[in-house]
């Protein structure tokens, strides 16, 4: 929390990384299905309690889901844990 406040107060220019609409966190989840090791993409968009996805984020989410990625719109760590439990 303190790091976020520090950055907001001390960085004058925003730095953008990635593709517009892309989730805040992404990676792959190692899964074993029928004895076969698989990797599945996971994308996590972090939002506040009242935060809403932008149009670009909605498009990114739709694309991820259409490709079979795991997509989490997380308002708490519990949202992430609940989703991950479905895949373990």
N, C-alpha and C. Protein backbone atom coordinates (compact mmCIF):
# COMPACT_ATOMS: atom_id res chain seq x y z
N UNK A 1 0.83 -1.19 0.00
CA UNK A 1 0.00 0.00 0.00
C UNK A 1 0.87 1.25 0.00
N UNK A 2 1.93 1.25 0.81
CA UNK A 2 2.80 2.42 0.89
C UNK A 2 3.54 2.64 -0.43
N UNK A 3 3.92 1.55 -1.10
CA UNK A 3 4.60 1.67 -2.38
C UNK A 3 3.68 2.33 -3.41
N UNK A 4 2.42 1.93 -3.42
CA UNK A 4 1.46 2.51 -4.37
C UNK A 4 1.31 4.00 -4.13
N UNK A 5 1.17 4.41 -2.86
CA UNK A 5 1.06 5.84 -2.55
C UNK A 5 2.32 6.59 -2.97
N UNK A 6 3.47 5.99 -2.70
CA UNK A 6 4.74 6.62 -3.09
C UNK A 6 4.80 6.83 -4.59
N UNK A 7 4.46 5.79 -5.35
CA UNK A 7 4.51 5.88 -6.80
C UNK A 7 3.54 6.92 -7.34
N UNK A 8 2.32 6.94 -6.80
CA UNK A 8 1.33 7.92 -7.25
C UNK A 8 1.79 9.34 -6.99
N UNK A 9 2.47 9.54 -5.89
CA UNK A 9 2.89 10.89 -5.51
C UNK A 9 4.21 11.32 -6.14
N UNK A 10 5.01 10.37 -6.63
CA UNK A 10 6.36 10.72 -7.08
C UNK A 10 6.65 10.46 -8.54
N UNK A 11 5.78 9.80 -9.25
CA UNK A 11 6.02 9.56 -10.68
C UNK A 11 5.14 10.50 -11.47
N UNK A 12 5.77 11.34 -12.26
CA UNK A 12 5.02 12.35 -13.02
C UNK A 12 4.53 11.81 -14.36
N UNK A 13 5.27 10.91 -14.96
CA UNK A 13 4.89 10.37 -16.26
C UNK A 13 4.47 8.92 -16.10
N UNK A 14 3.35 8.57 -16.70
CA UNK A 14 2.88 7.19 -16.64
C UNK A 14 3.70 6.34 -17.62
N UNK A 15 3.93 5.11 -17.24
CA UNK A 15 4.63 4.17 -18.09
C UNK A 15 3.66 3.04 -18.41
N UNK A 16 3.43 2.80 -19.68
CA UNK A 16 2.52 1.73 -20.09
C UNK A 16 3.32 0.56 -20.63
N UNK A 17 2.95 -0.63 -20.22
CA UNK A 17 3.63 -1.84 -20.67
C UNK A 17 2.57 -2.83 -21.14
N UNK A 18 2.83 -3.50 -22.23
CA UNK A 18 1.89 -4.52 -22.71
C UNK A 18 0.94 -3.98 -23.76
N UNK A 19 -0.11 -4.73 -23.97
CA UNK A 19 -1.11 -4.42 -24.99
C UNK A 19 -2.30 -3.76 -24.32
N UNK A 20 -2.86 -2.75 -24.95
CA UNK A 20 -4.00 -2.05 -24.37
C UNK A 20 -5.14 -3.03 -24.09
N UNK A 21 -5.62 -3.03 -22.86
CA UNK A 21 -6.69 -3.93 -22.46
C UNK A 21 -6.20 -5.20 -21.79
N UNK A 22 -4.91 -5.51 -21.95
CA UNK A 22 -4.36 -6.73 -21.37
C UNK A 22 -4.50 -6.71 -19.85
N UNK A 23 -4.70 -7.88 -19.26
CA UNK A 23 -4.85 -7.99 -17.82
C UNK A 23 -3.57 -7.56 -17.10
N UNK A 24 -3.73 -7.19 -15.84
CA UNK A 24 -2.60 -6.72 -15.03
C UNK A 24 -1.56 -7.81 -14.80
N UNK A 25 -2.02 -9.02 -14.57
CA UNK A 25 -1.13 -10.15 -14.30
C UNK A 25 -1.45 -11.27 -15.27
N UNK A 26 -0.41 -11.93 -15.75
CA UNK A 26 -0.65 -13.06 -16.65
C UNK A 26 0.49 -14.06 -16.54
N UNK A 27 0.18 -15.27 -16.88
CA UNK A 27 1.18 -16.33 -16.81
C UNK A 27 0.56 -17.63 -17.26
N UNK A 28 1.15 -18.73 -16.81
CA UNK A 28 0.59 -20.03 -17.16
C UNK A 28 0.47 -20.88 -15.91
N UNK A 29 -0.51 -21.73 -15.93
CA UNK A 29 -0.82 -22.61 -14.81
C UNK A 29 -0.50 -24.02 -15.26
N UNK A 30 0.33 -24.69 -14.49
CA UNK A 30 0.70 -26.08 -14.80
C UNK A 30 -0.39 -27.00 -14.27
N UNK A 31 -0.93 -27.82 -15.17
CA UNK A 31 -2.00 -28.76 -14.79
C UNK A 31 -1.66 -30.15 -15.31
N UNK A 32 -2.10 -31.15 -14.58
CA UNK A 32 -1.96 -32.53 -15.04
C UNK A 32 -3.37 -33.06 -15.30
N UNK A 33 -3.63 -33.42 -16.54
CA UNK A 33 -4.94 -33.92 -16.94
C UNK A 33 -4.73 -35.28 -17.59
N UNK A 34 -5.36 -36.30 -17.03
CA UNK A 34 -5.25 -37.67 -17.56
C UNK A 34 -3.79 -38.07 -17.72
N UNK A 35 -2.96 -37.70 -16.75
CA UNK A 35 -1.55 -38.07 -16.77
C UNK A 35 -0.69 -37.23 -17.68
N UNK A 36 -1.27 -36.26 -18.35
CA UNK A 36 -0.52 -35.41 -19.27
C UNK A 36 -0.34 -34.02 -18.64
N UNK A 37 0.89 -33.51 -18.70
CA UNK A 37 1.17 -32.18 -18.15
C UNK A 37 0.79 -31.13 -19.19
N UNK A 38 -0.06 -30.21 -18.78
CA UNK A 38 -0.53 -29.16 -19.67
C UNK A 38 -0.24 -27.79 -19.06
N UNK A 39 -0.06 -26.82 -19.89
CA UNK A 39 0.05 -25.44 -19.44
C UNK A 39 -1.18 -24.69 -19.91
N UNK A 40 -1.76 -23.91 -19.04
CA UNK A 40 -2.95 -23.14 -19.41
C UNK A 40 -2.70 -21.69 -19.05
N UNK A 41 -2.98 -20.80 -19.99
CA UNK A 41 -2.79 -19.37 -19.75
C UNK A 41 -3.79 -18.89 -18.71
N UNK A 42 -3.32 -17.98 -17.87
CA UNK A 42 -4.19 -17.35 -16.88
C UNK A 42 -3.95 -15.84 -16.92
N UNK A 43 -5.02 -15.09 -16.89
CA UNK A 43 -4.97 -13.64 -16.89
C UNK A 43 -5.77 -13.14 -15.69
N UNK A 44 -5.19 -12.21 -14.94
CA UNK A 44 -5.85 -11.66 -13.75
C UNK A 44 -5.93 -10.15 -13.88
N UNK A 45 -7.13 -9.63 -13.94
CA UNK A 45 -7.36 -8.19 -13.96
C UNK A 45 -7.73 -7.77 -12.54
N UNK A 46 -6.95 -6.89 -11.96
CA UNK A 46 -7.16 -6.45 -10.58
C UNK A 46 -8.02 -5.19 -10.59
N UNK A 47 -9.12 -5.25 -9.84
CA UNK A 47 -10.05 -4.12 -9.77
C UNK A 47 -10.39 -3.80 -8.32
N UNK A 48 -10.75 -2.56 -8.09
CA UNK A 48 -11.27 -2.17 -6.78
C UNK A 48 -12.71 -2.66 -6.69
N UNK A 49 -13.32 -2.51 -5.55
CA UNK A 49 -14.70 -2.96 -5.36
C UNK A 49 -15.67 -2.39 -6.36
N UNK A 50 -15.47 -1.14 -6.76
CA UNK A 50 -16.40 -0.49 -7.69
C UNK A 50 -15.83 -0.33 -9.10
N UNK A 51 -14.59 -0.78 -9.32
CA UNK A 51 -13.94 -0.63 -10.62
C UNK A 51 -14.63 -1.45 -11.70
N UNK A 52 -14.66 -0.91 -12.91
CA UNK A 52 -15.29 -1.61 -14.04
C UNK A 52 -14.26 -1.78 -15.14
N UNK A 53 -14.45 -2.84 -15.94
CA UNK A 53 -13.57 -3.07 -17.07
C UNK A 53 -13.80 -2.00 -18.13
N UNK A 54 -12.71 -1.55 -18.74
CA UNK A 54 -12.83 -0.63 -19.88
C UNK A 54 -13.28 -1.43 -21.10
N UNK A 55 -13.61 -0.73 -22.16
CA UNK A 55 -14.01 -1.40 -23.39
C UNK A 55 -12.89 -2.29 -23.91
N UNK A 56 -11.64 -1.81 -23.83
CA UNK A 56 -10.50 -2.60 -24.28
C UNK A 56 -10.32 -3.84 -23.41
N UNK A 57 -10.53 -3.70 -22.11
CA UNK A 57 -10.41 -4.84 -21.20
C UNK A 57 -11.51 -5.86 -21.45
N UNK A 58 -12.71 -5.40 -21.76
CA UNK A 58 -13.81 -6.32 -22.09
C UNK A 58 -13.46 -7.13 -23.34
N UNK A 59 -12.89 -6.47 -24.35
CA UNK A 59 -12.48 -7.17 -25.58
C UNK A 59 -11.39 -8.19 -25.27
N UNK A 60 -10.43 -7.80 -24.43
CA UNK A 60 -9.34 -8.71 -24.07
C UNK A 60 -9.89 -9.93 -23.33
N UNK A 61 -10.81 -9.69 -22.39
CA UNK A 61 -11.43 -10.78 -21.64
C UNK A 61 -12.14 -11.74 -22.58
N UNK A 62 -12.91 -11.21 -23.51
CA UNK A 62 -13.65 -12.03 -24.48
C UNK A 62 -12.69 -12.88 -25.31
N UNK A 63 -11.59 -12.27 -25.76
CA UNK A 63 -10.59 -12.99 -26.54
C UNK A 63 -9.97 -14.11 -25.71
N UNK A 64 -9.62 -13.81 -24.45
CA UNK A 64 -9.01 -14.82 -23.58
C UNK A 64 -9.94 -16.01 -23.38
N UNK A 65 -11.19 -15.73 -23.06
CA UNK A 65 -12.15 -16.81 -22.82
C UNK A 65 -12.41 -17.63 -24.08
N UNK A 66 -12.41 -16.97 -25.24
CA UNK A 66 -12.64 -17.69 -26.50
C UNK A 66 -11.49 -18.65 -26.81
N UNK A 67 -10.31 -18.39 -26.25
CA UNK A 67 -9.14 -19.24 -26.46
C UNK A 67 -8.93 -20.24 -25.33
N UNK A 68 -9.85 -20.26 -24.39
CA UNK A 68 -9.76 -21.23 -23.30
C UNK A 68 -8.85 -20.82 -22.15
N UNK A 69 -8.48 -19.55 -22.11
CA UNK A 69 -7.65 -19.07 -21.00
C UNK A 69 -8.50 -18.99 -19.73
N UNK A 70 -7.82 -19.01 -18.60
CA UNK A 70 -8.47 -18.73 -17.33
C UNK A 70 -8.41 -17.22 -17.16
N UNK A 71 -9.54 -16.58 -16.93
CA UNK A 71 -9.58 -15.13 -16.76
C UNK A 71 -10.25 -14.82 -15.43
N UNK A 72 -9.59 -14.00 -14.62
CA UNK A 72 -10.14 -13.64 -13.31
C UNK A 72 -10.23 -12.12 -13.22
N UNK A 73 -11.42 -11.65 -12.94
CA UNK A 73 -11.61 -10.23 -12.61
C UNK A 73 -11.59 -10.18 -11.09
N UNK A 74 -10.45 -9.85 -10.52
CA UNK A 74 -10.23 -10.01 -9.08
C UNK A 74 -10.44 -8.71 -8.32
N UNK A 75 -11.32 -8.78 -7.36
CA UNK A 75 -11.55 -7.67 -6.44
C UNK A 75 -10.96 -7.98 -5.08
N UNK A 76 -10.51 -9.22 -4.92
CA UNK A 76 -9.84 -9.65 -3.68
C UNK A 76 -8.98 -10.87 -4.01
N UNK A 77 -8.08 -11.20 -3.10
CA UNK A 77 -7.28 -12.41 -3.29
C UNK A 77 -8.17 -13.64 -3.28
N UNK A 78 -9.28 -13.56 -2.56
CA UNK A 78 -10.21 -14.69 -2.50
C UNK A 78 -10.79 -15.01 -3.88
N UNK A 79 -11.04 -13.99 -4.70
CA UNK A 79 -11.52 -14.22 -6.06
C UNK A 79 -10.54 -15.07 -6.85
N UNK A 80 -9.25 -14.79 -6.69
CA UNK A 80 -8.21 -15.54 -7.40
C UNK A 80 -8.16 -16.97 -6.87
N UNK A 81 -8.13 -17.11 -5.56
CA UNK A 81 -8.04 -18.44 -4.95
C UNK A 81 -9.23 -19.31 -5.32
N UNK A 82 -10.42 -18.73 -5.30
CA UNK A 82 -11.64 -19.48 -5.65
C UNK A 82 -11.55 -19.99 -7.09
N UNK A 83 -11.10 -19.15 -7.99
CA UNK A 83 -10.96 -19.56 -9.40
C UNK A 83 -9.91 -20.64 -9.54
N UNK A 84 -8.77 -20.46 -8.90
CA UNK A 84 -7.69 -21.44 -9.03
C UNK A 84 -8.08 -22.81 -8.48
N UNK A 85 -8.91 -22.83 -7.45
CA UNK A 85 -9.36 -24.09 -6.87
C UNK A 85 -10.14 -24.93 -7.89
N UNK A 86 -10.79 -24.28 -8.81
CA UNK A 86 -11.54 -24.99 -9.86
C UNK A 86 -10.61 -25.76 -10.80
N UNK A 87 -9.35 -25.35 -10.87
CA UNK A 87 -8.41 -25.92 -11.83
C UNK A 87 -7.33 -26.77 -11.20
N UNK A 88 -7.45 -27.06 -9.90
CA UNK A 88 -6.42 -27.88 -9.26
C UNK A 88 -6.99 -29.21 -8.81
